[in-house]
Amino acid sequence: MKNILVLLPYDEISKEKLVSAVEGKSSISFINRKENPDEYKAALKTANLIIGEVPNADFQYCENLEMLQSSSSGINYYIEGGKFPENAKLCCMTGVYGNVIAEHLLGTILSLCRRIPEYRNQQNEHKWKILRFDKPLDESTVLILGAGDIGTTLAKWMRPMVGKIIGIRRTVRDFPDCFDEMETLEKLDEKLPEADFVISILPHTPETAGLFDERRLRLMKDDAVFVNGGRGSLVDQEALLKVMSEGKFYGVGLDVTVPEPLPEESPLWNQERLLITPHAAGNSCSLESPLERKIRNFILKNTLLWLGGEEPENVIDFSLGYKKNI
């Protein structure tokens, strides 16, 4: 019989559903590792499947691990940690967060266009002043780096609002009609000057780290809106500060930074045209939220695939740094 260790918080309905689905096939334990460290450490030794996050240092206790199901889409923490058991599978949550992250990115874009952060600042000062609005989406060109689940969802929603949408992905193949063009990263320098809006949802890989250096930031239009919802490592923050201080960009939105949390003394906080959110795009409100239900349903499906001896979904290829077959 297999042993399943659940480290994620579960509501009672989802817990009962998972327990019922694996009954007779596996034993299952729900443990809070911070509240019960000894029980957690002992369970790591016998766990064949772990659902949730394990610090890299704790993999030394995982003597029987066959698979870890992460609750995150981004798994560079495990890839770079170098501690993940060699013969175990790592599965991410790609495909689950599309709607909620796309909502956050679209909200950021619209907020910057309509200068909502500045109006909020005026409200705090009890000031009534109309600010000039000169960044409409109508007839604009949007460049989306990362044309997977999140990027495609965002493109579908923006399609009626804009003139042209260009996608950037690792390989060019058939693409949905919400995109007008699809290119690879090799064409990025050519496409950046065309875009009124540049939205990055790329993961962290050796190829994407430092992708937006000073040279590429300067390739963008002076009045472009730039939003990064992928990983903080994609942007050279010193270069971003430099070009913004010169007046470049109508607005910038960062949901990710390096490091995280962003230190209080970082000058990024003081940039007037910069909207910072604390890696909040994928967050949900409660265990009963639609996003959390999608996460639990995906975990259930992948658990049953694993128990049935089938290949689970979203298995990470460590040589690539992201899931296989995308």
C-alpha atoms as a PDB file:
ATOM      1  CA  MET A   1       0.000   0.000   0.000  1.00  0.00           C
ATOM      2  CA  LYS A   2       1.219   3.475  -0.911  1.00  0.00           C
ATOM      3  CA  ASN A   3       1.620   6.315   1.594  1.00  0.00           C
ATOM      4  CA  ILE A   4       0.347   9.811   0.793  1.00  0.00           C
ATOM      5  CA  LEU A   5       1.387  12.846   2.833  1.00  0.00           C
ATOM      6  CA  VAL A   6      -0.703  16.009   2.436  1.00  0.00           C
ATOM      7  CA  LEU A   7       0.954  19.240   3.569  1.00  0.00           C
ATOM      8  CA  LEU A   8      -1.572  21.653   2.058  1.00  0.00           C
ATOM      9  CA  PRO A   9      -4.528  22.948   4.052  1.00  0.00           C
ATOM     10  CA  TYR A  10      -7.757  21.198   3.029  1.00  0.00           C
ATOM     11  CA  ASP A  11     -11.377  22.064   3.694  1.00  0.00           C
ATOM     12  CA  GLU A  12     -13.451  19.185   5.042  1.00  0.00           C
ATOM     13  CA  ILE A  13     -15.345  18.493   1.814  1.00  0.00           C
ATOM     14  CA  SER A  14     -12.158  18.269  -0.278  1.00  0.00           C
ATOM     15  CA  LYS A  15     -10.459  16.189   2.389  1.00  0.00           C
ATOM     16  CA  GLU A  16     -13.303  13.674   2.484  1.00  0.00           C
ATOM     17  CA  LYS A  17     -13.307  13.518  -1.318  1.00  0.00           C
ATOM     18  CA  LEU A  18      -9.578  12.733  -1.459  1.00  0.00           C
ATOM     19  CA  VAL A  19      -9.712  10.211   1.387  1.00  0.00           C
ATOM     20  CA  SER A  20     -12.645   8.409  -0.229  1.00  0.00           C
ATOM     21  CA  ALA A  21     -10.929   8.304  -3.644  1.00  0.00           C
ATOM     22  CA  VAL A  22      -7.746   6.633  -2.318  1.00  0.00           C
ATOM     23  CA  GLU A  23      -9.416   4.333   0.212  1.00  0.00           C
ATOM     24  CA  GLY A  24      -8.073   0.797  -0.091  1.00  0.00           C
ATOM     25  CA  LYS A  25      -5.267   1.969  -2.376  1.00  0.00           C
ATOM     26  CA  SER A  26      -3.229   4.153  -0.054  1.00  0.00           C
ATOM     27  CA  SER A  27      -2.916   5.422   3.480  1.00  0.00           C
ATOM     28  CA  ILE A  28      -3.160   9.190   3.756  1.00  0.00           C
ATOM     29  CA  SER A  29      -1.970  11.680   6.381  1.00  0.00           C
ATOM     30  CA  PHE A  30      -2.745  15.403   6.661  1.00  0.00           C
ATOM     31  CA  ILE A  31       0.018  17.153   8.597  1.00  0.00           C
ATOM     32  CA  ASN A  32       0.898  20.777   9.318  1.00  0.00           C
ATOM     33  CA  ARG A  33       4.687  20.660   9.197  1.00  0.00           C
ATOM     34  CA  LYS A  34       5.163  23.808  11.286  1.00  0.00           C
ATOM     35  CA  GLU A  35       2.768  22.769  14.036  1.00  0.00           C
ATOM     36  CA  ASN A  36       3.853  19.116  14.118  1.00  0.00           C
ATOM     37  CA  PRO A  37       7.534  19.014  13.082  1.00  0.00           C
ATOM     38  CA  ASP A  38       8.331  15.579  14.539  1.00  0.00           C
ATOM     39  CA  GLU A  39       5.275  13.939  12.988  1.00  0.00           C
ATOM     40  CA  TYR A  40       6.077  15.660   9.702  1.00  0.00           C
ATOM     41  CA  LYS A  41       9.681  14.476   9.649  1.00  0.00           C
ATOM     42  CA  ALA A  42       8.660  10.895  10.418  1.00  0.00           C
ATOM     43  CA  ALA A  43       6.013  10.970   7.661  1.00  0.00           C
ATOM     44  CA  LEU A  44       8.560  12.155   5.087  1.00  0.00           C
ATOM     45  CA  LYS A  45      10.452   8.872   5.469  1.00  0.00           C
ATOM     46  CA  THR A  46       7.521   6.695   4.429  1.00  0.00           C
ATOM     47  CA  ALA A  47       5.742   9.022   1.981  1.00  0.00           C
ATOM     48  CA  ASN A  48       5.508   7.830  -1.615  1.00  0.00           C
ATOM     49  CA  LEU A  49       3.478  10.849  -2.714  1.00  0.00           C
ATOM     50  CA  ILE A  50       3.711  14.281  -1.122  1.00  0.00           C
ATOM     51  CA  ILE A  51       1.045  16.880  -1.852  1.00  0.00           C
ATOM     52  CA  GLY A  52       2.349  20.348  -1.031  1.00  0.00           C
ATOM     53  CA  GLU A  53       5.692  22.034  -0.600  1.00  0.00           C
ATOM     54  CA  VAL A  54       8.792  20.568   1.033  1.00  0.00           C
ATOM     55  CA  PRO A  55      11.870  22.686   1.853  1.00  0.00           C
ATOM     56  CA  ASN A  56      14.868  21.499  -0.138  1.00  0.00           C
ATOM     57  CA  ALA A  57      16.757  20.696   3.062  1.00  0.00           C
ATOM     58  CA  ASP A  58      14.070  18.183   4.071  1.00  0.00           C
ATOM     59  CA  PHE A  59      14.445  15.945   1.038  1.00  0.00           C
ATOM     60  CA  GLN A  60      17.195  14.144   2.945  1.00  0.00           C
ATOM     61  CA  TYR A  61      14.407  12.461   4.939  1.00  0.00           C
ATOM     62  CA  CYS A  62      12.457  11.345   1.854  1.00  0.00           C
ATOM     63  CA  GLU A  63      13.565   7.742   1.540  1.00  0.00           C
ATOM     64  CA  ASN A  64      10.624   6.462  -0.528  1.00  0.00           C
ATOM     65  CA  LEU A  65       9.403   9.466  -2.483  1.00  0.00           C
ATOM     66  CA  GLU A  66       8.009   8.696  -5.927  1.00  0.00           C
ATOM     67  CA  MET A  67       6.238  11.968  -6.671  1.00  0.00           C
ATOM     68  CA  LEU A  68       5.733  15.452  -5.271  1.00  0.00           C
ATOM     69  CA  GLN A  69       2.682  17.416  -6.373  1.00  0.00           C
ATOM     70  CA  SER A  70       3.473  21.108  -5.960  1.00  0.00           C
ATOM     71  CA  SER A  71       0.711  23.657  -5.548  1.00  0.00           C
ATOM     72  CA  SER A  72       2.688  26.164  -7.620  1.00  0.00           C
ATOM     73  CA  SER A  73       3.098  26.715 -11.348  1.00  0.00           C
ATOM     74  CA  GLY A  74       6.678  27.922 -10.888  1.00  0.00           C
ATOM     75  CA  ILE A  75       9.040  25.260  -9.568  1.00  0.00           C
ATOM     76  CA  ASN A  76      12.496  26.806 -10.076  1.00  0.00           C
ATOM     77  CA  TYR A  77      12.961  26.621  -6.281  1.00  0.00           C
ATOM     78  CA  TYR A  78      13.257  22.843  -6.566  1.00  0.00           C
ATOM     79  CA  ILE A  79      15.234  22.858  -9.802  1.00  0.00           C
ATOM     80  CA  GLU A  80      17.845  25.267  -8.462  1.00  0.00           C
ATOM     81  CA  GLY A  81      17.905  23.677  -5.001  1.00  0.00           C
ATOM     82  CA  GLY A  82      19.623  20.557  -6.285  1.00  0.00           C
ATOM     83  CA  LYS A  83      18.144  18.407  -3.523  1.00  0.00           C
ATOM     84  CA  PHE A  84      15.113  16.888  -5.219  1.00  0.00           C
ATOM     85  CA  PRO A  85      15.319  13.055  -5.233  1.00  0.00           C
ATOM     86  CA  GLU A  86      16.704  11.906  -8.558  1.00  0.00           C
ATOM     87  CA  ASN A  87      14.172   9.147  -9.263  1.00  0.00           C
ATOM     88  CA  ALA A  88      11.050  10.999  -8.119  1.00  0.00           C
ATOM     89  CA  LYS A  89       8.601  12.930 -10.291  1.00  0.00           C
ATOM     90  CA  LEU A  90       7.861  16.606  -9.672  1.00  0.00           C
ATOM     91  CA  CYS A  91       4.487  17.880 -10.895  1.00  0.00           C
ATOM     92  CA  CYS A  92       3.502  21.548 -11.075  1.00  0.00           C
ATOM     93  CA  MET A  93       0.123  23.276 -11.201  1.00  0.00           C
ATOM     94  CA  THR A  94       0.391  24.776 -14.695  1.00  0.00           C
ATOM     95  CA  GLY A  95      -3.031  25.210 -16.280  1.00  0.00           C
ATOM     96  CA  VAL A  96      -4.896  25.816 -13.037  1.00  0.00           C
ATOM     97  CA  TYR A  97      -4.015  29.460 -12.412  1.00  0.00           C
ATOM     98  CA  GLY A  98      -4.859  30.827 -15.881  1.00  0.00           C
ATOM     99  CA  ASN A  99      -7.976  32.799 -15.051  1.00  0.00           C
ATOM    100  CA  VAL A 100      -6.981  34.228 -11.681  1.00  0.00           C
ATOM    101  CA  ILE A 101      -3.528  35.404 -12.801  1.00  0.00           C
ATOM    102  CA  ALA A 102      -4.885  36.785 -16.079  1.00  0.00           C
ATOM    103  CA  GLU A 103      -7.455  38.740 -14.037  1.00  0.00           C
ATOM    104  CA  HIS A 104      -4.695  40.262 -11.941  1.00  0.00           C
ATOM    105  CA  LEU A 105      -2.591  41.177 -14.975  1.00  0.00           C
ATOM    106  CA  LEU A 106      -5.553  42.736 -16.771  1.00  0.00           C
ATOM    107  CA  GLY A 107      -6.438  44.666 -13.618  1.00  0.00           C
ATOM    108  CA  THR A 108      -2.872  45.956 -13.432  1.00  0.00           C
ATOM    109  CA  ILE A 109      -2.897  47.028 -17.070  1.00  0.00           C
ATOM    110  CA  LEU A 110      -6.202  48.877 -16.771  1.00  0.00           C
ATOM    111  CA  SER A 111      -5.184  50.482 -13.480  1.00  0.00           C
ATOM    112  CA  LEU A 112      -2.000  51.839 -15.025  1.00  0.00           C
ATOM    113  CA  CYS A 113      -3.784  53.051 -18.156  1.00  0.00           C
ATOM    114  CA  ARG A 114      -6.415  54.915 -16.159  1.00  0.00           C
ATOM    115  CA  ARG A 115      -3.924  56.125 -13.523  1.00  0.00           C
ATOM    116  CA  ILE A 116      -5.893  54.515 -10.719  1.00  0.00           C
ATOM    117  CA  PRO A 117      -2.891  54.334  -8.314  1.00  0.00           C
ATOM    118  CA  GLU A 118      -2.427  58.090  -8.656  1.00  0.00           C
ATOM    119  CA  TYR A 119      -6.112  58.709  -8.006  1.00  0.00           C
ATOM    120  CA  ARG A 120      -5.847  56.550  -4.895  1.00  0.00           C
ATOM    121  CA  ASN A 121      -2.959  58.699  -3.725  1.00  0.00           C
ATOM    122  CA  GLN A 122      -5.079  61.791  -4.344  1.00  0.00           C
ATOM    123  CA  GLN A 123      -7.919  60.238  -2.375  1.00  0.00           C
ATOM    124  CA  ASN A 124      -5.604  59.707   0.577  1.00  0.00           C
ATOM    125  CA  GLU A 125      -4.804  63.426   0.390  1.00  0.00           C
ATOM    126  CA  HIS A 126      -8.504  64.366  -0.051  1.00  0.00           C
ATOM    127  CA  LYS A 127      -7.566  65.969  -3.363  1.00  0.00           C
ATOM    128  CA  TRP A 128      -9.982  66.358  -6.317  1.00  0.00           C
ATOM    129  CA  LYS A 129      -7.995  66.681  -9.539  1.00  0.00           C
ATOM    130  CA  ILE A 130      -8.563  65.137 -12.959  1.00  0.00           C
ATOM    131  CA  LEU A 131      -5.414  63.556 -14.354  1.00  0.00           C
ATOM    132  CA  ARG A 132      -4.774  63.408 -18.062  1.00  0.00           C
ATOM    133  CA  PHE A 133      -5.542  60.000 -19.528  1.00  0.00           C
ATOM    134  CA  ASP A 134      -3.629  59.264 -22.710  1.00  0.00           C
ATOM    135  CA  LYS A 135      -2.998  55.521 -22.857  1.00  0.00           C
ATOM    136  CA  PRO A 136      -6.058  53.886 -24.445  1.00  0.00           C
ATOM    137  CA  LEU A 137      -6.112  50.199 -25.347  1.00  0.00           C
ATOM    138  CA  ASP A 138      -8.091  50.861 -28.521  1.00  0.00           C
ATOM    139  CA  GLU A 139      -6.023  50.047 -31.654  1.00  0.00           C
ATOM    140  CA  SER A 140      -2.937  49.304 -29.547  1.00  0.00           C
ATOM    141  CA  THR A 141      -0.446  46.465 -30.059  1.00  0.00           C
ATOM    142  CA  VAL A 142       0.018  43.988 -27.213  1.00  0.00           C
ATOM    143  CA  LEU A 143       3.036  41.711 -26.853  1.00  0.00           C
ATOM    144  CA  ILE A 144       2.536  38.738 -24.507  1.00  0.00           C
ATOM    145  CA  LEU A 145       5.620  36.752 -23.551  1.00  0.00           C
ATOM    146  CA  GLY A 146       4.447  33.328 -22.465  1.00  0.00           C
ATOM    147  CA  ALA A 147       1.557  32.197 -24.634  1.00  0.00           C
ATOM    148  CA  GLY A 148       0.507  29.249 -22.495  1.00  0.00           C
ATOM    149  CA  ASP A 149      -2.585  28.955 -20.327  1.00  0.00           C
ATOM    150  CA  ILE A 150      -2.258  32.355 -18.609  1.00  0.00           C
ATOM    151  CA  GLY A 151      -1.101  34.250 -21.684  1.00  0.00           C
ATOM    152  CA  THR A 152      -3.800  32.775 -23.903  1.00  0.00           C
ATOM    153  CA  THR A 153      -6.502  33.586 -21.341  1.00  0.00           C
ATOM    154  CA  LEU A 154      -5.254  37.169 -21.155  1.00  0.00           C
ATOM    155  CA  ALA A 155      -5.158  37.410 -24.960  1.00  0.00           C
ATOM    156  CA  LYS A 156      -8.765  36.194 -25.233  1.00  0.00           C
ATOM    157  CA  TRP A 157      -9.941  38.815 -22.777  1.00  0.00           C
ATOM    158  CA  MET A 158      -7.957  41.640 -24.395  1.00  0.00           C
ATOM    159  CA  ARG A 159      -8.886  40.668 -27.959  1.00  0.00           C
ATOM    160  CA  PRO A 160     -11.973  42.953 -28.204  1.00  0.00           C
ATOM    161  CA  MET A 161     -10.104  45.855 -26.570  1.00  0.00           C
ATOM    162  CA  VAL A 162      -6.996  46.145 -28.742  1.00  0.00           C
ATOM    163  CA  GLY A 163      -5.831  46.206 -32.340  1.00  0.00           C
ATOM    164  CA  LYS A 164      -3.163  43.509 -32.470  1.00  0.00           C
ATOM    165  CA  ILE A 165      -1.843  40.793 -30.164  1.00  0.00           C
ATOM    166  CA  ILE A 166       1.556  39.153 -30.651  1.00  0.00           C
ATOM    167  CA  GLY A 167       2.536  36.095 -28.657  1.00  0.00           C
ATOM    168  CA  ILE A 168       6.022  34.910 -27.776  1.00  0.00           C
ATOM    169  CA  ARG A 169       6.572  31.264 -26.913  1.00  0.00           C
ATOM    170  CA  ARG A 170       9.367  28.686 -26.942  1.00  0.00           C
ATOM    171  CA  THR A 171       8.228  27.019 -30.150  1.00  0.00           C
ATOM    172  CA  VAL A 172       5.964  28.243 -32.928  1.00  0.00           C
ATOM    173  CA  ARG A 173       3.077  25.940 -33.761  1.00  0.00           C
ATOM    174  CA  ASP A 174      -0.645  26.295 -34.328  1.00  0.00           C
ATOM    175  CA  PHE A 175      -1.984  29.038 -32.077  1.00  0.00           C
ATOM    176  CA  PRO A 176      -5.471  30.266 -31.117  1.00  0.00           C
ATOM    177  CA  ASP A 177      -7.037  33.073 -33.115  1.00  0.00           C
ATOM    178  CA  CYS A 178      -6.927  35.465 -30.164  1.00  0.00           C
ATOM    179  CA  PHE A 179      -3.316  36.021 -31.316  1.00  0.00           C
ATOM    180  CA  ASP A 180      -2.506  37.756 -34.594  1.00  0.00           C
ATOM    181  CA  GLU A 181       1.088  36.555 -34.611  1.00  0.00           C
ATOM    182  CA  MET A 182       3.180  34.013 -32.745  1.00  0.00           C
ATOM    183  CA  GLU A 183       6.969  34.242 -32.546  1.00  0.00           C
ATOM    184  CA  THR A 184       9.838  32.748 -30.547  1.00  0.00           C
ATOM    185  CA  LEU A 185      12.212  34.605 -28.234  1.00  0.00           C
ATOM    186  CA  GLU A 186      14.617  35.000 -31.143  1.00  0.00           C
ATOM    187  CA  LYS A 187      12.225  37.641 -32.544  1.00  0.00           C
ATOM    188  CA  LEU A 188      11.802  39.505 -29.234  1.00  0.00           C
ATOM    189  CA  ASP A 189      14.117  42.403 -30.106  1.00  0.00           C
ATOM    190  CA  GLU A 190      12.247  42.904 -33.362  1.00  0.00           C
ATOM    191  CA  LYS A 191       8.814  42.918 -31.715  1.00  0.00           C
ATOM    192  CA  LEU A 192       9.482  45.021 -28.616  1.00  0.00           C
ATOM    193  CA  PRO A 193       9.544  48.367 -30.490  1.00  0.00           C
ATOM    194  CA  GLU A 194       6.118  47.579 -31.999  1.00  0.00           C
ATOM    195  CA  ALA A 195       4.320  47.054 -28.713  1.00  0.00           C
ATOM    196  CA  ASP A 196       2.268  49.538 -26.726  1.00  0.00           C
ATOM    197  CA  PHE A 197       1.853  46.934 -23.985  1.00  0.00           C
ATOM    198  CA  VAL A 198       4.441  44.324 -23.021  1.00  0.00           C
ATOM    199  CA  ILE A 199       3.271  41.626 -20.617  1.00  0.00           C
ATOM    200  CA  SER A 200       5.693  38.947 -19.462  1.00  0.00           C
ATOM    201  CA  ILE A 201       4.471  35.684 -17.935  1.00  0.00           C
ATOM    202  CA  LEU A 202       7.612  33.689 -18.617  1.00  0.00           C
ATOM    203  CA  PRO A 203       9.034  31.271 -16.042  1.00  0.00           C
ATOM    204  CA  HIS A 204      12.543  31.511 -14.648  1.00  0.00           C
ATOM    205  CA  THR A 205      15.020  29.530 -16.756  1.00  0.00           C
ATOM    206  CA  PRO A 206      18.676  30.115 -17.693  1.00  0.00           C
ATOM    207  CA  GLU A 207      17.398  31.603 -20.977  1.00  0.00           C
ATOM    208  CA  THR A 208      14.952  34.045 -19.367  1.00  0.00           C
ATOM    209  CA  ALA A 209      17.034  35.257 -16.404  1.00  0.00           C
ATOM    210  CA  GLY A 210      17.953  38.898 -17.047  1.00  0.00           C
ATOM    211  CA  LEU A 211      15.932  38.916 -20.257  1.00  0.00           C
ATOM    212  CA  PHE A 212      14.805  42.512 -19.731  1.00  0.00           C
ATOM    213  CA  ASP A 213      18.162  44.210 -19.395  1.00  0.00           C
ATOM    214  CA  GLU A 214      18.736  47.901 -20.074  1.00  0.00           C
ATOM    215  CA  ARG A 215      19.127  47.364 -23.809  1.00  0.00           C
ATOM    216  CA  ARG A 216      15.773  45.610 -24.150  1.00  0.00           C
ATOM    217  CA  LEU A 217      14.003  48.033 -21.838  1.00  0.00           C
ATOM    218  CA  ARG A 218      15.174  50.841 -24.120  1.00  0.00           C
ATOM    219  CA  LEU A 219      13.878  48.970 -27.179  1.00  0.00           C
ATOM    220  CA  MET A 220      10.333  49.488 -25.924  1.00  0.00           C
ATOM    221  CA  LYS A 221       8.332  52.598 -26.742  1.00  0.00           C
ATOM    222  CA  ASP A 222       8.860  55.481 -24.340  1.00  0.00           C
ATOM    223  CA  ASP A 223       5.149  55.455 -23.507  1.00  0.00           C
ATOM    224  CA  ALA A 224       4.773  51.656 -23.324  1.00  0.00           C
ATOM    225  CA  VAL A 225       3.136  49.877 -20.411  1.00  0.00           C
ATOM    226  CA  PHE A 226       5.313  47.039 -19.128  1.00  0.00           C
ATOM    227  CA  VAL A 227       3.973  44.364 -16.757  1.00  0.00           C
ATOM    228  CA  ASN A 228       5.916  41.432 -15.320  1.00  0.00           C
ATOM    229  CA  GLY A 229       3.873  38.612 -13.804  1.00  0.00           C
ATOM    230  CA  GLY A 230       6.337  35.797 -14.487  1.00  0.00           C
ATOM    231  CA  ARG A 231       9.403  35.792 -12.255  1.00  0.00           C
ATOM    232  CA  GLY A 232      11.363  38.692 -10.820  1.00  0.00           C
ATOM    233  CA  SER A 233      14.624  37.350 -12.248  1.00  0.00           C
ATOM    234  CA  LEU A 234      13.472  38.314 -15.755  1.00  0.00           C
ATOM    235  CA  VAL A 235      13.977  42.042 -15.102  1.00  0.00           C
ATOM    236  CA  ASP A 236      17.174  43.933 -14.324  1.00  0.00           C
ATOM    237  CA  GLN A 237      15.669  46.114 -11.604  1.00  0.00           C
ATOM    238  CA  GLU A 238      18.591  48.572 -11.524  1.00  0.00           C
ATOM    239  CA  ALA A 239      18.198  49.130 -15.247  1.00  0.00           C
ATOM    240  CA  LEU A 240      14.443  49.529 -14.807  1.00  0.00           C
ATOM    241  CA  LEU A 241      14.973  52.214 -12.176  1.00  0.00           C
ATOM    242  CA  LYS A 242      17.463  53.976 -14.422  1.00  0.00           C
ATOM    243  CA  VAL A 243      15.242  54.181 -17.480  1.00  0.00           C
ATOM    244  CA  MET A 244      12.131  55.070 -15.451  1.00  0.00           C
ATOM    245  CA  SER A 245      14.008  57.939 -13.796  1.00  0.00           C
ATOM    246  CA  GLU A 246      14.616  59.279 -17.304  1.00  0.00           C
ATOM    247  CA  GLY A 247      10.863  59.290 -17.950  1.00  0.00           C
ATOM    248  CA  LYS A 248      10.520  56.054 -19.888  1.00  0.00           C
ATOM    249  CA  PHE A 249       7.249  54.070 -19.708  1.00  0.00           C
ATOM    250  CA  TYR A 250       3.733  55.278 -19.211  1.00  0.00           C
ATOM    251  CA  GLY A 251       3.492  52.749 -16.424  1.00  0.00           C
ATOM    252  CA  VAL A 252       5.086  49.577 -15.073  1.00  0.00           C
ATOM    253  CA  GLY A 253       3.490  46.796 -13.052  1.00  0.00           C
ATOM    254  CA  LEU A 254       5.519  44.260 -11.079  1.00  0.00           C
ATOM    255  CA  ASP A 255       3.893  41.347  -9.292  1.00  0.00           C
ATOM    256  CA  VAL A 256       7.301  39.698  -8.877  1.00  0.00           C
ATOM    257  CA  THR A 257      10.661  41.067  -7.763  1.00  0.00           C
ATOM    258  CA  VAL A 258      14.137  40.015  -6.653  1.00  0.00           C
ATOM    259  CA  PRO A 259      14.275  39.446  -3.782  1.00  0.00           C
ATOM    260  CA  GLU A 260      10.846  38.663  -2.394  1.00  0.00           C
ATOM    261  CA  PRO A 261       9.663  40.251  -0.211  1.00  0.00           C
ATOM    262  CA  LEU A 262      10.986  43.451  -1.740  1.00  0.00           C
ATOM    263  CA  PRO A 263      13.074  45.224   0.958  1.00  0.00           C
ATOM    264  CA  GLU A 264      11.491  48.306   2.499  1.00  0.00           C
ATOM    265  CA  GLU A 265      14.464  50.416   1.480  1.00  0.00           C
ATOM    266  CA  SER A 266      14.220  49.481  -2.232  1.00  0.00           C
ATOM    267  CA  PRO A 267      13.873  52.611  -4.418  1.00  0.00           C
ATOM    268  CA  LEU A 268      11.327  50.716  -6.509  1.00  0.00           C
ATOM    269  CA  TRP A 269       8.674  51.593  -3.929  1.00  0.00           C
ATOM    270  CA  ASN A 270       9.080  55.290  -4.671  1.00  0.00           C
ATOM    271  CA  GLN A 271       8.588  55.191  -8.432  1.00  0.00           C
ATOM    272  CA  GLU A 272       5.440  57.169  -9.186  1.00  0.00           C
ATOM    273  CA  ARG A 273       4.489  55.242 -12.331  1.00  0.00           C
ATOM    274  CA  LEU A 274       5.252  51.831 -10.865  1.00  0.00           C
ATOM    275  CA  LEU A 275       2.535  49.592  -9.389  1.00  0.00           C
ATOM    276  CA  ILE A 276       3.888  46.820  -7.135  1.00  0.00           C
ATOM    277  CA  THR A 277       1.863  43.867  -5.864  1.00  0.00           C
ATOM    278  CA  PRO A 278       3.451  41.241  -3.555  1.00  0.00           C
ATOM    279  CA  HIS A 279       3.410  38.174  -5.830  1.00  0.00           C
ATOM    280  CA  ALA A 280      -0.345  38.179  -5.320  1.00  0.00           C
ATOM    281  CA  ALA A 281      -1.620  37.303  -8.805  1.00  0.00           C
ATOM    282  CA  GLY A 282      -2.161  33.625  -8.025  1.00  0.00           C
ATOM    283  CA  ASN A 283      -3.669  34.129  -4.585  1.00  0.00           C
ATOM    284  CA  SER A 284      -7.219  33.227  -3.687  1.00  0.00           C
ATOM    285  CA  CYS A 285      -9.441  34.319  -0.850  1.00  0.00           C
ATOM    286  CA  SER A 286     -10.288  31.087   0.975  1.00  0.00           C
ATOM    287  CA  LEU A 287     -10.267  27.305   0.811  1.00  0.00           C
ATOM    288  CA  GLU A 288     -13.790  27.508  -0.596  1.00  0.00           C
ATOM    289  CA  SER A 289     -12.826  29.783  -3.507  1.00  0.00           C
ATOM    290  CA  PRO A 290     -13.161  28.638  -7.149  1.00  0.00           C
ATOM    291  CA  LEU A 291      -9.367  28.631  -7.556  1.00  0.00           C
ATOM    292  CA  GLU A 292      -8.823  26.409  -4.518  1.00  0.00           C
ATOM    293  CA  ARG A 293     -11.475  23.997  -5.799  1.00  0.00           C
ATOM    294  CA  LYS A 294      -9.646  23.795  -9.130  1.00  0.00           C
ATOM    295  CA  ILE A 295      -6.364  23.109  -7.321  1.00  0.00           C
ATOM    296  CA  ARG A 296      -7.902  20.338  -5.211  1.00  0.00           C
ATOM    297  CA  ASN A 297      -9.616  18.773  -8.235  1.00  0.00           C
ATOM    298  CA  PHE A 298      -6.337  18.756 -10.167  1.00  0.00           C
ATOM    299  CA  ILE A 299      -4.547  17.155  -7.218  1.00  0.00           C
ATOM    300  CA  LEU A 300      -7.242  14.486  -6.990  1.00  0.00           C
ATOM    301  CA  LYS A 301      -6.977  13.699 -10.696  1.00  0.00           C
ATOM    302  CA  ASN A 302      -3.182  13.499 -10.617  1.00  0.00           C
ATOM    303  CA  THR A 303      -3.225  11.380  -7.462  1.00  0.00           C
ATOM    304  CA  LEU A 304      -5.532   8.839  -9.092  1.00  0.00           C
ATOM    305  CA  LEU A 305      -3.388   8.757 -12.241  1.00  0.00           C
ATOM    306  CA  TRP A 306      -0.326   8.052 -10.097  1.00  0.00           C
ATOM    307  CA  LEU A 307      -2.092   5.384  -8.033  1.00  0.00           C
ATOM    308  CA  GLY A 308      -3.296   3.726 -11.240  1.00  0.00           C
ATOM    309  CA  GLY A 309       0.219   3.483 -12.619  1.00  0.00           C
ATOM    310  CA  GLU A 310      -0.430   6.080 -15.323  1.00  0.00           C
ATOM    311  CA  GLU A 311       1.677   9.101 -16.170  1.00  0.00           C
ATOM    312  CA  PRO A 312       0.470  12.107 -14.137  1.00  0.00           C
ATOM    313  CA  GLU A 313      -0.005  15.514 -15.733  1.00  0.00           C
ATOM    314  CA  ASN A 314       2.457  18.418 -15.553  1.00  0.00           C
ATOM    315  CA  VAL A 315       5.576  16.336 -14.893  1.00  0.00           C
ATOM    316  CA  ILE A 316       8.624  18.606 -14.853  1.00  0.00           C
ATOM    317  CA  ASP A 317      11.539  18.007 -17.194  1.00  0.00           C
ATOM    318  CA  PHE A 318      14.497  19.118 -15.056  1.00  0.00           C
ATOM    319  CA  SER A 319      16.693  19.590 -18.125  1.00  0.00           C
ATOM    320  CA  LEU A 320      14.256  22.176 -19.493  1.00  0.00           C
ATOM    321  CA  GLY A 321      13.010  23.735 -16.260  1.00  0.00           C
ATOM    322  CA  TYR A 322       9.320  23.387 -17.051  1.00  0.00           C
ATOM    323  CA  LYS A 323       6.718  20.711 -17.697  1.00  0.00           C
ATOM    324  CA  LYS A 324       7.161  18.223 -20.511  1.00  0.00           C
ATOM    325  CA  ASN A 325       5.472  18.482 -23.894  1.00  0.00           C
ATOM    326  CA  ILE A 326       4.694  22.185 -23.980  1.00  0.00           C
END
